[in-house]
């Protein structure tokens, strides 16, 4: 496979992925985190639940991105995009 074909394949795969800011999961998580931060500033929630909500929200957003990427069949991704250690493809 030539470099041009590889670049076209990568671009096609990247175009098929939904960006994080267009996913309902991301916006729901952001709303929950903002609600928790608002509750903290209103004095309803202490600092630890606020921190856990922010960290949990980040985990949800990045985890969702991993699921989105993992739905692409393994053989369609070049090795450099699959996360295979030292393989450059």
Protein backbone atom coordinates (compact mmCIF):
# COMPACT_ATOMS: atom_id res chain seq x y z
CA UNK A 1 0.00 0.00 0.00
CA UNK A 2 1.45 3.36 -0.99
CA UNK A 3 1.65 6.37 1.28
CA UNK A 4 -1.08 8.15 -0.66
CA UNK A 5 -3.44 5.20 -0.31
CA UNK A 6 -2.64 4.97 3.41
CA UNK A 7 -3.36 8.69 3.91
CA UNK A 8 -6.66 8.37 2.03
CA UNK A 9 -7.63 5.40 4.20
CA UNK A 10 -6.81 7.29 7.41
CA UNK A 11 -8.81 10.33 6.24
CA UNK A 12 -11.79 8.13 5.39
CA UNK A 13 -11.72 6.53 8.84
CA UNK A 14 -11.35 9.86 10.61
CA UNK A 15 -14.30 11.27 8.65
CA UNK A 16 -16.47 8.35 9.77
CA UNK A 17 -15.82 9.05 13.47
CA UNK A 18 -18.22 11.38 15.23
CA UNK A 19 -16.38 14.27 16.92
CA UNK A 20 -16.75 14.44 20.70
CA UNK A 21 -18.60 17.75 20.59
CA UNK A 22 -21.35 16.23 18.41
CA UNK A 23 -22.12 13.32 20.74
CA UNK A 24 -25.06 13.39 23.13
CA UNK A 25 -22.99 11.55 25.73
CA UNK A 26 -20.44 14.37 25.86
CA UNK A 27 -23.04 17.10 26.25
CA UNK A 28 -24.93 15.19 28.94
CA UNK A 29 -21.68 14.67 30.84
CA UNK A 30 -20.70 18.34 30.49
CA UNK A 31 -24.13 19.38 31.79
CA UNK A 32 -23.76 17.07 34.79
CA UNK A 33 -20.29 18.38 35.59
CA UNK A 34 -21.43 21.99 35.30
CA UNK A 35 -24.38 21.21 37.56
CA UNK A 36 -22.07 19.71 40.16
CA UNK A 37 -19.72 22.70 39.98
CA UNK A 38 -22.72 25.01 40.37
CA UNK A 39 -23.85 23.02 43.39
CA UNK A 40 -20.38 23.35 44.90
CA UNK A 41 -20.41 27.13 44.51
CA UNK A 42 -23.93 27.26 45.93
CA UNK A 43 -22.69 25.37 49.00
CA UNK A 44 -24.84 22.28 48.44
CA UNK A 45 -21.97 19.86 47.73
CA UNK A 46 -18.50 19.60 49.23
CA UNK A 47 -15.26 19.62 47.25
CA UNK A 48 -14.69 15.84 47.01
CA UNK A 49 -17.93 14.98 45.18
CA UNK A 50 -17.24 17.88 42.85
CA UNK A 51 -13.77 16.55 42.02
CA UNK A 52 -15.13 13.04 41.52
CA UNK A 53 -17.83 14.34 39.18
CA UNK A 54 -15.28 16.21 37.06
CA UNK A 55 -12.90 13.23 36.90
CA UNK A 56 -15.78 10.87 36.20
CA UNK A 57 -17.03 13.13 33.43
CA UNK A 58 -13.63 13.14 31.77
CA UNK A 59 -13.47 9.35 32.00
CA UNK A 60 -16.89 9.08 30.36
CA UNK A 61 -15.97 11.42 27.48
CA UNK A 62 -12.62 9.75 26.76
CA UNK A 63 -14.10 6.29 27.23
CA UNK A 64 -16.82 7.10 24.72
CA UNK A 65 -14.17 8.15 22.22
CA UNK A 66 -12.43 4.81 22.73
CA UNK A 67 -15.65 2.93 22.10
CA UNK A 68 -16.29 4.97 18.97
CA UNK A 69 -12.82 4.15 17.64
CA UNK A 70 -13.06 0.48 18.59
CA UNK A 71 -16.17 0.02 16.45
CA UNK A 72 -14.00 0.32 13.34
CA UNK A 73 -12.94 -3.17 12.22
CA UNK A 74 -9.37 -3.87 13.35
CA UNK A 75 -8.06 -4.60 9.86
CA UNK A 76 -9.23 -1.26 8.47
CA UNK A 77 -7.02 0.81 10.73
CA UNK A 78 -3.35 1.15 9.85
CA UNK A 79 -0.97 -0.10 12.54
CA UNK A 80 0.02 3.43 13.54
CA UNK A 81 -3.62 4.25 14.32
CA UNK A 82 -4.39 1.00 16.17
CA UNK A 83 -1.97 1.76 18.98
CA UNK A 84 0.35 -1.12 18.16
CA UNK A 85 3.54 -0.32 20.05
CA UNK A 86 6.48 0.26 17.70
CA UNK A 87 4.85 -0.59 14.40
CA UNK A 88 4.80 2.27 11.93
CA UNK A 89 2.43 1.78 9.09
